[in-house]
């Protein structure tokens, strides 16, 4: 029984905190609060903002993560706060994020991308 306990416990300890976001609060403020490997759980609603991860490997997802109900995917929308063709991103991965992060069960709408001059 002890070995089973450790097998179940270790994966739970390897993940960070869960930060809940409800509209009209922004996802970006949750990103600022988050530590690497945290999960930002975005509740159904429309979020008008550009979410910049600033190098944090985070899981950002709708309630689909919790209950597998695919209706949350279309009910949880991120749209950019700018429709300018050079700054209209929904989500920006540009500061060294890795594949350890994920975006799950969220609809990105009207994003146009962001121009980066490297």
PDB file of N, CA and C in Angstrom:
ATOM      1  N   UNK A   1       0.811  -1.189   0.000  1.00  0.00           N
ATOM      2  CA  UNK A   1       0.000   0.000   0.000  1.00  0.00           C
ATOM      3  C   UNK A   1       0.859   1.259   0.000  1.00  0.00           C
ATOM      4  N   UNK A   2       1.980   1.233   0.714  1.00  0.00           N
ATOM      5  CA  UNK A   2       2.834   2.413   0.747  1.00  0.00           C
ATOM      6  C   UNK A   2       3.359   2.783  -0.634  1.00  0.00           C
ATOM      7  N   UNK A   3       3.800   1.807  -1.390  1.00  0.00           N
ATOM      8  CA  UNK A   3       4.335   2.117  -2.714  1.00  0.00           C
ATOM      9  C   UNK A   3       3.267   2.728  -3.609  1.00  0.00           C
ATOM     10  N   UNK A   4       2.037   2.286  -3.484  1.00  0.00           N
ATOM     11  CA  UNK A   4       0.953   2.875  -4.258  1.00  0.00           C
ATOM     12  C   UNK A   4       0.735   4.322  -3.839  1.00  0.00           C
ATOM     13  N   UNK A   5       0.820   4.593  -2.564  1.00  0.00           N
ATOM     14  CA  UNK A   5       0.657   5.951  -2.057  1.00  0.00           C
ATOM     15  C   UNK A   5       1.700   6.875  -2.666  1.00  0.00           C
ATOM     16  N   UNK A   6       2.946   6.444  -2.712  1.00  0.00           N
ATOM     17  CA  UNK A   6       3.997   7.275  -3.275  1.00  0.00           C
ATOM     18  C   UNK A   6       3.838   7.466  -4.775  1.00  0.00           C
ATOM     19  N   UNK A   7       3.406   6.445  -5.469  1.00  0.00           N
ATOM     20  CA  UNK A   7       3.188   6.562  -6.906  1.00  0.00           C
ATOM     21  C   UNK A   7       2.116   7.598  -7.201  1.00  0.00           C
ATOM     22  N   UNK A   8       1.077   7.633  -6.403  1.00  0.00           N
ATOM     23  CA  UNK A   8      -0.008   8.590  -6.602  1.00  0.00           C
ATOM     24  C   UNK A   8       0.405   9.979  -6.139  1.00  0.00           C
ATOM     25  N   UNK A   9       1.154  10.061  -5.066  1.00  0.00           N
ATOM     26  CA  UNK A   9       1.524  11.342  -4.486  1.00  0.00           C
ATOM     27  C   UNK A   9       2.562  12.087  -5.315  1.00  0.00           C
ATOM     28  N   UNK A  10       3.554  11.414  -5.842  1.00  0.00           N
ATOM     29  CA  UNK A  10       4.622  12.099  -6.566  1.00  0.00           C
ATOM     30  C   UNK A  10       4.135  12.904  -7.763  1.00  0.00           C
ATOM     31  N   UNK A  11       3.255  12.386  -8.620  1.00  0.00           N
ATOM     32  CA  UNK A  11       2.773  13.230  -9.710  1.00  0.00           C
ATOM     33  C   UNK A  11       2.033  14.461  -9.209  1.00  0.00           C
ATOM     34  N   UNK A  12       1.305  14.337  -8.125  1.00  0.00           N
ATOM     35  CA  UNK A  12       0.573  15.485  -7.591  1.00  0.00           C
ATOM     36  C   UNK A  12       1.531  16.568  -7.113  1.00  0.00           C
ATOM     37  N   UNK A  13       2.669  16.185  -6.581  1.00  0.00           N
ATOM     38  CA  UNK A  13       3.633  17.164  -6.087  1.00  0.00           C
ATOM     39  C   UNK A  13       4.422  17.829  -7.205  1.00  0.00           C
ATOM     40  N   UNK A  14       4.444  17.239  -8.383  1.00  0.00           N
ATOM     41  CA  UNK A  14       5.251  17.781  -9.468  1.00  0.00           C
ATOM     42  C   UNK A  14       4.559  18.930 -10.196  1.00  0.00           C
ATOM     43  N   UNK A  15       3.320  19.203  -9.870  1.00  0.00           N
ATOM     44  CA  UNK A  15       2.579  20.273 -10.522  1.00  0.00           C
ATOM     45  C   UNK A  15       2.429  21.453  -9.581  1.00  0.00           C
ATOM     46  N   UNK A  16       2.230  22.640 -10.165  1.00  0.00           N
ATOM     47  CA  UNK A  16       2.100  23.846  -9.376  1.00  0.00           C
ATOM     48  C   UNK A  16       0.676  24.108  -8.932  1.00  0.00           C
ATOM     49  N   UNK A  17       0.451  25.340  -8.577  1.00  0.00           N
ATOM     50  CA  UNK A  17      -0.850  25.793  -8.091  1.00  0.00           C
ATOM     51  C   UNK A  17      -1.844  25.947  -9.234  1.00  0.00           C
ATOM     52  N   UNK A  18      -3.119  26.012  -8.876  1.00  0.00           N
ATOM     53  CA  UNK A  18      -4.182  26.299  -9.836  1.00  0.00           C
ATOM     54  C   UNK A  18      -4.725  27.686  -9.518  1.00  0.00           C
ATOM     55  N   UNK A  19      -4.719  28.549 -10.530  1.00  0.00           N
ATOM     56  CA  UNK A  19      -5.234  29.915 -10.391  1.00  0.00           C
ATOM     57  C   UNK A  19      -6.490  30.013 -11.239  1.00  0.00           C
ATOM     58  N   UNK A  20      -7.616  30.321 -10.618  1.00  0.00           N
ATOM     59  CA  UNK A  20      -8.891  30.443 -11.322  1.00  0.00           C
ATOM     60  C   UNK A  20      -9.083  31.863 -11.823  1.00  0.00           C
ATOM     61  N   UNK A  21      -9.554  31.990 -13.062  1.00  0.00           N
ATOM     62  CA  UNK A  21      -9.847  33.299 -13.655  1.00  0.00           C
ATOM     63  C   UNK A  21     -11.306  33.294 -14.101  1.00  0.00           C
ATOM     64  N   UNK A  22     -12.049  34.291 -13.630  1.00  0.00           N
ATOM     65  CA  UNK A  22     -13.451  34.459 -14.006  1.00  0.00           C
ATOM     66  C   UNK A  22     -13.588  35.785 -14.738  1.00  0.00           C
ATOM     67  N   UNK A  23     -14.455  35.841 -15.777  1.00  0.00           N
ATOM     68  CA  UNK A  23     -14.660  37.134 -16.425  1.00  0.00           C
ATOM     69  C   UNK A  23     -15.357  38.089 -15.452  1.00  0.00           C
ATOM     70  N   UNK A  24     -15.053  39.363 -15.476  1.00  0.00           N
ATOM     71  CA  UNK A  24     -14.257  40.063 -16.469  1.00  0.00           C
ATOM     72  C   UNK A  24     -12.780  40.181 -16.109  1.00  0.00           C
ATOM     73  N   UNK A  25     -12.322  39.495 -15.067  1.00  0.00           N
ATOM     74  CA  UNK A  25     -10.902  39.556 -14.709  1.00  0.00           C
ATOM     75  C   UNK A  25     -10.058  39.080 -15.886  1.00  0.00           C
ATOM     76  N   UNK A  26      -8.829  39.547 -15.946  1.00  0.00           N
ATOM     77  CA  UNK A  26      -7.968  39.200 -17.065  1.00  0.00           C
ATOM     78  C   UNK A  26      -7.072  38.008 -16.781  1.00  0.00           C
ATOM     79  N   UNK A  27      -6.727  37.325 -17.842  1.00  0.00           N
ATOM     80  CA  UNK A  27      -5.810  36.196 -17.760  1.00  0.00           C
ATOM     81  C   UNK A  27      -4.396  36.695 -17.488  1.00  0.00           C
ATOM     82  N   UNK A  28      -4.051  37.860 -18.049  1.00  0.00           N
ATOM     83  CA  UNK A  28      -2.693  38.385 -17.891  1.00  0.00           C
ATOM     84  C   UNK A  28      -2.341  38.601 -16.427  1.00  0.00           C
ATOM     85  N   UNK A  29      -3.273  39.078 -15.623  1.00  0.00           N
ATOM     86  CA  UNK A  29      -2.969  39.277 -14.203  1.00  0.00           C
ATOM     87  C   UNK A  29      -2.671  37.938 -13.525  1.00  0.00           C
ATOM     88  N   UNK A  30      -3.334  36.873 -13.961  1.00  0.00           N
ATOM     89  CA  UNK A  30      -3.040  35.538 -13.427  1.00  0.00           C
ATOM     90  C   UNK A  30      -1.649  35.079 -13.853  1.00  0.00           C
ATOM     91  N   UNK A  31      -1.248  35.406 -15.082  1.00  0.00           N
ATOM     92  CA  UNK A  31       0.103  35.066 -15.554  1.00  0.00           C
ATOM     93  C   UNK A  31       1.139  35.755 -14.673  1.00  0.00           C
ATOM     94  N   UNK A  32       0.912  37.015 -14.335  1.00  0.00           N
ATOM     95  CA  UNK A  32       1.859  37.739 -13.473  1.00  0.00           C
ATOM     96  C   UNK A  32       1.963  37.092 -12.090  1.00  0.00           C
ATOM     97  N   UNK A  33       0.856  36.590 -11.560  1.00  0.00           N
ATOM     98  CA  UNK A  33       0.851  35.932 -10.243  1.00  0.00           C
ATOM     99  C   UNK A  33       1.486  34.549 -10.275  1.00  0.00           C
ATOM    100  N   UNK A  34       1.419  33.901 -11.414  1.00  0.00           N
ATOM    101  CA  UNK A  34       1.778  32.484 -11.525  1.00  0.00           C
ATOM    102  C   UNK A  34       3.280  32.244 -11.433  1.00  0.00           C
ATOM    103  N   UNK A  35       3.601  31.063 -10.970  1.00  0.00           N
ATOM    104  CA  UNK A  35       4.967  30.547 -10.998  1.00  0.00           C
ATOM    105  C   UNK A  35       5.036  29.499 -12.107  1.00  0.00           C
ATOM    106  N   UNK A  36       6.245  29.212 -12.603  1.00  0.00           N
ATOM    107  CA  UNK A  36       6.351  28.178 -13.631  1.00  0.00           C
ATOM    108  C   UNK A  36       5.657  26.882 -13.193  1.00  0.00           C
ATOM    109  N   UNK A  37       4.996  26.255 -14.138  1.00  0.00           N
ATOM    110  CA  UNK A  37       4.283  24.981 -13.976  1.00  0.00           C
ATOM    111  C   UNK A  37       2.935  25.108 -13.274  1.00  0.00           C
ATOM    112  N   UNK A  38       2.496  26.329 -12.994  1.00  0.00           N
ATOM    113  CA  UNK A  38       1.144  26.521 -12.469  1.00  0.00           C
ATOM    114  C   UNK A  38       0.133  26.316 -13.587  1.00  0.00           C
ATOM    115  N   UNK A  39      -1.113  26.127 -13.210  1.00  0.00           N
ATOM    116  CA  UNK A  39      -2.218  26.005 -14.152  1.00  0.00           C
ATOM    117  C   UNK A  39      -3.149  27.187 -13.958  1.00  0.00           C
ATOM    118  N   UNK A  40      -3.473  27.855 -15.054  1.00  0.00           N
ATOM    119  CA  UNK A  40      -4.456  28.936 -15.023  1.00  0.00           C
ATOM    120  C   UNK A  40      -5.737  28.365 -15.607  1.00  0.00           C
ATOM    121  N   UNK A  41      -6.743  28.252 -14.765  1.00  0.00           N
ATOM    122  CA  UNK A  41      -8.027  27.679 -15.153  1.00  0.00           C
ATOM    123  C   UNK A  41      -8.966  28.830 -15.506  1.00  0.00           C
ATOM    124  N   UNK A  42      -9.257  28.945 -16.801  1.00  0.00           N
ATOM    125  CA  UNK A  42     -10.032  30.075 -17.328  1.00  0.00           C
ATOM    126  C   UNK A  42     -11.495  29.645 -17.452  1.00  0.00           C
ATOM    127  N   UNK A  43     -12.362  30.310 -16.714  1.00  0.00           N
ATOM    128  CA  UNK A  43     -13.785  29.966 -16.732  1.00  0.00           C
ATOM    129  C   UNK A  43     -14.458  30.550 -17.968  1.00  0.00           C
ATOM    130  N   UNK A  44     -15.577  29.960 -18.368  1.00  0.00           N
ATOM    131  CA  UNK A  44     -16.300  30.367 -19.572  1.00  0.00           C
ATOM    132  C   UNK A  44     -16.494  31.878 -19.622  1.00  0.00           C
ATOM    133  N   UNK A  45     -16.243  32.448 -20.800  1.00  0.00           N
ATOM    134  CA  UNK A  45     -16.410  33.883 -21.015  1.00  0.00           C
ATOM    135  C   UNK A  45     -15.487  34.341 -22.120  1.00  0.00           C
ATOM    136  N   UNK A  46     -15.581  35.628 -22.440  1.00  0.00           N
ATOM    137  CA  UNK A  46     -14.718  36.218 -23.463  1.00  0.00           C
ATOM    138  C   UNK A  46     -13.722  37.142 -22.787  1.00  0.00           C
ATOM    139  N   UNK A  47     -12.457  36.966 -23.136  1.00  0.00           N
ATOM    140  CA  UNK A  47     -11.355  37.720 -22.547  1.00  0.00           C
ATOM    141  C   UNK A  47     -10.698  38.510 -23.666  1.00  0.00           C
ATOM    142  N   UNK A  48     -10.790  39.837 -23.599  1.00  0.00           N
ATOM    143  CA  UNK A  48     -10.229  40.699 -24.638  1.00  0.00           C
ATOM    144  C   UNK A  48      -8.904  41.240 -24.130  1.00  0.00           C
ATOM    145  N   UNK A  49      -7.829  40.608 -24.556  1.00  0.00           N
ATOM    146  CA  UNK A  49      -6.489  40.983 -24.112  1.00  0.00           C
ATOM    147  C   UNK A  49      -5.467  40.180 -24.907  1.00  0.00           C
ATOM    148  N   UNK A  50      -4.249  40.637 -24.879  1.00  0.00           N
ATOM    149  CA  UNK A  50      -3.136  39.860 -25.408  1.00  0.00           C
ATOM    150  C   UNK A  50      -2.419  39.262 -24.208  1.00  0.00           C
ATOM    151  N   UNK A  51      -2.352  37.958 -24.146  1.00  0.00           N
ATOM    152  CA  UNK A  51      -1.727  37.268 -23.020  1.00  0.00           C
ATOM    153  C   UNK A  51      -0.270  36.996 -23.379  1.00  0.00           C
ATOM    154  N   UNK A  52       0.643  37.547 -22.585  1.00  0.00           N
ATOM    155  CA  UNK A  52       2.082  37.377 -22.795  1.00  0.00           C
ATOM    156  C   UNK A  52       2.623  36.545 -21.637  1.00  0.00           C
ATOM    157  N   UNK A  53       3.304  35.449 -21.955  1.00  0.00           N
ATOM    158  CA  UNK A  53       3.728  34.510 -20.920  1.00  0.00           C
ATOM    159  C   UNK A  53       5.043  34.871 -20.236  1.00  0.00           C
ATOM    160  N   UNK A  54       5.853  35.731 -20.815  1.00  0.00           N
ATOM    161  CA  UNK A  54       7.098  36.200 -20.205  1.00  0.00           C
ATOM    162  C   UNK A  54       7.986  35.066 -19.704  1.00  0.00           C
ATOM    163  N   UNK A  55       8.126  34.012 -20.497  1.00  0.00           N
ATOM    164  CA  UNK A  55       9.055  32.935 -20.169  1.00  0.00           C
ATOM    165  C   UNK A  55       8.539  31.896 -19.193  1.00  0.00           C
ATOM    166  N   UNK A  56       7.304  32.014 -18.761  1.00  0.00           N
ATOM    167  CA  UNK A  56       6.758  31.051 -17.798  1.00  0.00           C
ATOM    168  C   UNK A  56       6.108  29.878 -18.532  1.00  0.00           C
ATOM    169  N   UNK A  57       6.483  28.678 -18.144  1.00  0.00           N
ATOM    170  CA  UNK A  57       5.842  27.474 -18.680  1.00  0.00           C
ATOM    171  C   UNK A  57       4.586  27.208 -17.856  1.00  0.00           C
ATOM    172  N   UNK A  58       3.453  27.581 -18.404  1.00  0.00           N
ATOM    173  CA  UNK A  58       2.171  27.471 -17.714  1.00  0.00           C
ATOM    174  C   UNK A  58       1.215  26.620 -18.526  1.00  0.00           C
ATOM    175  N   UNK A  59       0.266  26.031 -17.860  1.00  0.00           N
ATOM    176  CA  UNK A  59      -0.867  25.420 -18.539  1.00  0.00           C
ATOM    177  C   UNK A  59      -2.020  26.397 -18.400  1.00  0.00           C
ATOM    178  N   UNK A  60      -2.542  26.843 -19.532  1.00  0.00           N
ATOM    179  CA  UNK A  60      -3.703  27.726 -19.550  1.00  0.00           C
ATOM    180  C   UNK A  60      -4.819  26.942 -20.212  1.00  0.00           C
ATOM    181  N   UNK A  61      -5.918  26.778 -19.504  1.00  0.00           N
ATOM    182  CA  UNK A  61      -6.989  25.976 -20.069  1.00  0.00           C
ATOM    183  C   UNK A  61      -8.351  26.344 -19.536  1.00  0.00           C
ATOM    184  N   UNK A  62      -9.356  25.956 -20.301  1.00  0.00           N
ATOM    185  CA  UNK A  62     -10.746  26.163 -19.893  1.00  0.00           C
ATOM    186  C   UNK A  62     -11.157  25.068 -18.906  1.00  0.00           C
ATOM    187  N   UNK A  63     -12.408  25.107 -18.503  1.00  0.00           N
ATOM    188  CA  UNK A  63     -12.944  24.071 -17.618  1.00  0.00           C
ATOM    189  C   UNK A  63     -12.936  22.692 -18.279  1.00  0.00           C
ATOM    190  N   UNK A  64     -12.677  22.659 -19.580  1.00  0.00           N
ATOM    191  CA  UNK A  64     -12.496  21.391 -20.292  1.00  0.00           C
ATOM    192  C   UNK A  64     -11.437  20.536 -19.601  1.00  0.00           C
ATOM    193  N   UNK A  65     -10.420  21.178 -19.028  1.00  0.00           N
ATOM    194  CA  UNK A  65      -9.376  20.454 -18.300  1.00  0.00           C
ATOM    195  C   UNK A  65      -9.946  19.676 -17.120  1.00  0.00           C
ATOM    196  N   UNK A  66     -11.002  20.199 -16.522  1.00  0.00           N
ATOM    197  CA  UNK A  66     -11.556  19.599 -15.311  1.00  0.00           C
ATOM    198  C   UNK A  66     -12.604  18.526 -15.590  1.00  0.00           C
ATOM    199  N   UNK A  67     -13.464  18.788 -16.602  1.00  0.00           N
ATOM    200  CA  UNK A  67     -14.595  17.873 -16.780  1.00  0.00           C
ATOM    201  C   UNK A  67     -14.688  17.241 -18.169  1.00  0.00           C
ATOM    202  N   UNK A  68     -13.792  17.616 -19.090  1.00  0.00           N
ATOM    203  CA  UNK A  68     -13.798  17.032 -20.425  1.00  0.00           C
ATOM    204  C   UNK A  68     -14.980  17.441 -21.290  1.00  0.00           C
ATOM    205  N   UNK A  69     -15.759  18.415 -20.841  1.00  0.00           N
ATOM    206  CA  UNK A  69     -16.933  18.884 -21.588  1.00  0.00           C
ATOM    207  C   UNK A  69     -16.467  19.832 -22.691  1.00  0.00           C
ATOM    208  N   UNK A  70     -16.587  19.409 -23.941  1.00  0.00           N
ATOM    209  CA  UNK A  70     -16.071  20.194 -25.067  1.00  0.00           C
ATOM    210  C   UNK A  70     -16.834  21.497 -25.291  1.00  0.00           C
ATOM    211  N   UNK A  71     -17.988  21.692 -24.670  1.00  0.00           N
ATOM    212  CA  UNK A  71     -18.704  22.966 -24.831  1.00  0.00           C
ATOM    213  C   UNK A  71     -17.918  24.128 -24.224  1.00  0.00           C
ATOM    214  N   UNK A  72     -17.007  23.841 -23.297  1.00  0.00           N
ATOM    215  CA  UNK A  72     -16.177  24.893 -22.703  1.00  0.00           C
ATOM    216  C   UNK A  72     -15.196  25.487 -23.720  1.00  0.00           C
ATOM    217  N   UNK A  73     -14.826  24.713 -24.731  1.00  0.00           N
ATOM    218  CA  UNK A  73     -13.850  25.187 -25.719  1.00  0.00           C
ATOM    219  C   UNK A  73     -14.389  26.402 -26.467  1.00  0.00           C
ATOM    220  N   UNK A  74     -15.602  26.341 -26.964  1.00  0.00           N
ATOM    221  CA  UNK A  74     -16.176  27.481 -27.694  1.00  0.00           C
ATOM    222  C   UNK A  74     -16.698  28.561 -26.755  1.00  0.00           C
ATOM    223  N   UNK A  75     -16.887  28.232 -25.488  1.00  0.00           N
ATOM    224  CA  UNK A  75     -17.403  29.206 -24.518  1.00  0.00           C
ATOM    225  C   UNK A  75     -16.296  29.988 -23.827  1.00  0.00           C
ATOM    226  N   UNK A  76     -15.043  29.613 -24.064  1.00  0.00           N
ATOM    227  CA  UNK A  76     -13.896  30.284 -23.451  1.00  0.00           C
ATOM    228  C   UNK A  76     -13.050  30.862 -24.574  1.00  0.00           C
ATOM    229  N   UNK A  77     -13.124  32.184 -24.742  1.00  0.00           N
ATOM    230  CA  UNK A  77     -12.550  32.848 -25.915  1.00  0.00           C
ATOM    231  C   UNK A  77     -11.539  33.902 -25.478  1.00  0.00           C
ATOM    232  N   UNK A  78     -10.372  33.885 -26.139  1.00  0.00           N
ATOM    233  CA  UNK A  78      -9.390  34.964 -25.991  1.00  0.00           C
ATOM    234  C   UNK A  78      -9.324  35.676 -27.328  1.00  0.00           C
ATOM    235  N   UNK A  79      -9.539  36.984 -27.293  1.00  0.00           N
ATOM    236  CA  UNK A  79      -9.410  37.798 -28.505  1.00  0.00           C
ATOM    237  C   UNK A  79      -8.476  38.956 -28.172  1.00  0.00           C
ATOM    238  N   UNK A  80      -7.655  39.379 -29.129  1.00  0.00           N
ATOM    239  CA  UNK A  80      -6.683  40.436 -28.838  1.00  0.00           C
ATOM    240  C   UNK A  80      -7.366  41.767 -28.564  1.00  0.00           C
ATOM    241  N   UNK A  81      -6.711  42.585 -27.752  1.00  0.00           N
ATOM    242  CA  UNK A  81      -7.253  43.912 -27.475  1.00  0.00           C
ATOM    243  C   UNK A  81      -6.900  44.907 -28.567  1.00  0.00           C
ATOM    244  N   UNK A  82      -6.099  44.495 -29.530  1.00  0.00           N
ATOM    245  CA  UNK A  82      -5.743  45.330 -30.671  1.00  0.00           C
ATOM    246  C   UNK A  82      -5.957  44.521 -31.946  1.00  0.00           C
ATOM    247  N   UNK A  83      -6.581  45.136 -32.929  1.00  0.00           N
ATOM    248  CA  UNK A  83      -6.743  44.461 -34.216  1.00  0.00           C
ATOM    249  C   UNK A  83      -5.712  44.936 -35.233  1.00  0.00           C
ATOM    250  N   UNK A  84      -4.723  45.697 -34.774  1.00  0.00           N
ATOM    251  CA  UNK A  84      -3.635  46.146 -35.640  1.00  0.00           C
ATOM    252  C   UNK A  84      -2.876  44.918 -36.137  1.00  0.00           C
ATOM    253  N   UNK A  85      -2.526  44.872 -37.425  1.00  0.00           N
ATOM    254  CA  UNK A  85      -1.883  43.668 -37.970  1.00  0.00           C
ATOM    255  C   UNK A  85      -0.522  43.338 -37.366  1.00  0.00           C
ATOM    256  N   UNK A  86       0.140  44.300 -36.710  1.00  0.00           N
ATOM    257  CA  UNK A  86       1.454  44.015 -36.128  1.00  0.00           C
ATOM    258  C   UNK A  86       1.413  43.765 -34.624  1.00  0.00           C
ATOM    259  N   UNK A  87       0.279  43.956 -33.994  1.00  0.00           N
ATOM    260  CA  UNK A  87       0.208  43.781 -32.541  1.00  0.00           C
ATOM    261  C   UNK A  87      -1.066  43.070 -32.109  1.00  0.00           C
ATOM    262  N   UNK A  88      -1.671  42.306 -32.986  1.00  0.00           N
ATOM    263  CA  UNK A  88      -2.960  41.691 -32.694  1.00  0.00           C
ATOM    264  C   UNK A  88      -2.893  40.232 -32.308  1.00  0.00           C
ATOM    265  N   UNK A  89      -2.015  39.871 -31.399  1.00  0.00           N
ATOM    266  CA  UNK A  89      -1.917  38.475 -30.968  1.00  0.00           C
ATOM    267  C   UNK A  89      -2.872  38.197 -29.817  1.00  0.00           C
ATOM    268  N   UNK A  90      -3.388  36.986 -29.791  1.00  0.00           N
ATOM    269  CA  UNK A  90      -4.173  36.520 -28.647  1.00  0.00           C
ATOM    270  C   UNK A  90      -3.230  36.079 -27.525  1.00  0.00           C
ATOM    271  N   UNK A  91      -2.150  35.418 -27.920  1.00  0.00           N
ATOM    272  CA  UNK A  91      -1.215  34.821 -26.979  1.00  0.00           C
ATOM    273  C   UNK A  91       0.187  34.979 -27.541  1.00  0.00           C
ATOM    274  N   UNK A  92       1.139  35.378 -26.697  1.00  0.00           N
ATOM    275  CA  UNK A  92       2.512  35.586 -27.154  1.00  0.00           C
ATOM    276  C   UNK A  92       3.445  34.639 -26.399  1.00  0.00           C
ATOM    277  N   UNK A  93       4.099  33.761 -27.167  1.00  0.00           N
ATOM    278  CA  UNK A  93       5.180  32.910 -26.678  1.00  0.00           C
ATOM    279  C   UNK A  93       6.443  33.470 -27.319  1.00  0.00           C
ATOM    280  N   UNK A  94       7.229  34.248 -26.601  1.00  0.00           N
ATOM    281  CA  UNK A  94       8.404  34.862 -27.224  1.00  0.00           C
ATOM    282  C   UNK A  94       9.559  35.079 -26.259  1.00  0.00           C
ATOM    283  N   UNK A  95       9.475  34.558 -25.064  1.00  0.00           N
ATOM    284  CA  UNK A  95      10.480  34.849 -24.056  1.00  0.00           C
ATOM    285  C   UNK A  95      11.122  33.589 -23.484  1.00  0.00           C
ATOM    286  N   UNK A  96      11.253  32.552 -24.309  1.00  0.00           N
ATOM    287  CA  UNK A  96      11.943  31.345 -23.880  1.00  0.00           C
ATOM    288  C   UNK A  96      11.067  30.280 -23.247  1.00  0.00           C
ATOM    289  N   UNK A  97       9.773  30.352 -23.451  1.00  0.00           N
ATOM    290  CA  UNK A  97       8.903  29.292 -22.949  1.00  0.00           C
ATOM    291  C   UNK A  97       9.279  27.976 -23.628  1.00  0.00           C
ATOM    292  N   UNK A  98       8.992  26.872 -22.964  1.00  0.00           N
ATOM    293  CA  UNK A  98       9.318  25.560 -23.530  1.00  0.00           C
ATOM    294  C   UNK A  98       8.036  24.764 -23.782  1.00  0.00           C
ATOM    295  N   UNK A  99       8.213  23.544 -24.222  1.00  0.00           N
ATOM    296  CA  UNK A  99       7.075  22.664 -24.473  1.00  0.00           C
ATOM    297  C   UNK A  99       6.429  22.162 -23.185  1.00  0.00           C
ATOM    298  N   UNK A 100       6.949  22.562 -22.032  1.00  0.00           N
ATOM    299  CA  UNK A 100       6.354  22.153 -20.753  1.00  0.00           C
ATOM    300  C   UNK A 100       5.026  22.859 -20.498  1.00  0.00           C
ATOM    301  N   UNK A 101       4.783  23.971 -21.170  1.00  0.00           N
ATOM    302  CA  UNK A 101       3.511  24.678 -21.034  1.00  0.00           C
ATOM    303  C   UNK A 101       2.506  24.179 -22.057  1.00  0.00           C
ATOM    304  N   UNK A 102       1.240  24.558 -21.856  1.00  0.00           N
ATOM    305  CA  UNK A 102       0.198  24.117 -22.790  1.00  0.00           C
ATOM    306  C   UNK A 102      -0.975  25.089 -22.782  1.00  0.00           C
ATOM    307  N   UNK A 103      -1.657  25.145 -23.906  1.00  0.00           N
ATOM    308  CA  UNK A 103      -2.921  25.865 -24.037  1.00  0.00           C
ATOM    309  C   UNK A 103      -3.955  24.807 -24.396  1.00  0.00           C
ATOM    310  N   UNK A 104      -4.984  24.643 -23.554  1.00  0.00           N
ATOM    311  CA  UNK A 104      -5.912  23.522 -23.716  1.00  0.00           C
ATOM    312  C   UNK A 104      -7.358  24.005 -23.611  1.00  0.00           C
ATOM    313  N   UNK A 105      -8.152  23.685 -24.625  1.00  0.00           N
ATOM    314  CA  UNK A 105      -9.585  23.906 -24.541  1.00  0.00           C
ATOM    315  C   UNK A 105     -10.021  25.351 -24.568  1.00  0.00           C
ATOM    316  N   UNK A 106      -9.288  26.172 -25.307  1.00  0.00           N
ATOM    317  CA  UNK A 106      -9.589  27.603 -25.402  1.00  0.00           C
ATOM    318  C   UNK A 106      -9.708  27.972 -26.875  1.00  0.00           C
ATOM    319  N   UNK A 107     -10.634  28.861 -27.209  1.00  0.00           N
ATOM    320  CA  UNK A 107     -10.767  29.364 -28.574  1.00  0.00           C
ATOM    321  C   UNK A 107     -10.014  30.681 -28.690  1.00  0.00           C
ATOM    322  N   UNK A 108      -9.139  30.789 -29.695  1.00  0.00           N
ATOM    323  CA  UNK A 108      -8.454  32.045 -30.015  1.00  0.00           C
ATOM    324  C   UNK A 108      -9.189  32.652 -31.195  1.00  0.00           C
ATOM    325  N   UNK A 109      -9.636  33.912 -31.063  1.00  0.00           N
ATOM    326  CA  UNK A 109     -10.458  34.508 -32.109  1.00  0.00           C
ATOM    327  C   UNK A 109      -9.887  35.867 -32.534  1.00  0.00           C
ATOM    328  N   UNK A 110      -9.828  36.086 -33.851  1.00  0.00           N
ATOM    329  CA  UNK A 110      -9.430  37.357 -34.468  1.00  0.00           C
ATOM    330  C   UNK A 110      -7.977  37.742 -34.231  1.00  0.00           C
ATOM    331  N   UNK A 111      -7.132  36.803 -33.866  1.00  0.00           N
ATOM    332  CA  UNK A 111      -5.714  37.104 -33.712  1.00  0.00           C
ATOM    333  C   UNK A 111      -5.066  37.338 -35.069  1.00  0.00           C
ATOM    334  N   UNK A 112      -4.168  38.307 -35.124  1.00  0.00           N
ATOM    335  CA  UNK A 112      -3.499  38.648 -36.380  1.00  0.00           C
ATOM    336  C   UNK A 112      -1.987  38.491 -36.292  1.00  0.00           C
ATOM    337  N   UNK A 113      -1.477  38.167 -35.137  1.00  0.00           N
ATOM    338  CA  UNK A 113      -0.034  38.011 -34.986  1.00  0.00           C
ATOM    339  C   UNK A 113       0.629  39.291 -34.523  1.00  0.00           C
ATOM    340  N   UNK A 114       1.867  39.152 -34.111  1.00  0.00           N
ATOM    341  CA  UNK A 114       2.654  40.286 -33.641  1.00  0.00           C
ATOM    342  C   UNK A 114       3.985  40.266 -34.359  1.00  0.00           C
ATOM    343  N   UNK A 115       4.393  41.400 -34.886  1.00  0.00           N
ATOM    344  CA  UNK A 115       5.663  41.518 -35.598  1.00  0.00           C
ATOM    345  C   UNK A 115       6.786  41.693 -34.584  1.00  0.00           C
ATOM    346  N   UNK A 116       7.806  40.845 -34.693  1.00  0.00           N
ATOM    347  CA  UNK A 116       8.989  40.945 -33.848  1.00  0.00           C
ATOM    348  C   UNK A 116      10.179  41.184 -34.754  1.00  0.00           C
ATOM    349  N   UNK A 117      10.965  42.188 -34.473  1.00  0.00           N
ATOM    350  CA  UNK A 117      12.147  42.513 -35.255  1.00  0.00           C
ATOM    351  C   UNK A 117      13.372  42.023 -34.503  1.00  0.00           C
ATOM    352  N   UNK A 118      13.814  40.789 -34.818  1.00  0.00           N
ATOM    353  CA  UNK A 118      14.988  40.219 -34.147  1.00  0.00           C
ATOM    354  C   UNK A 118      16.219  40.496 -34.945  1.00  0.00           C
TER     355      UNK A 118
END
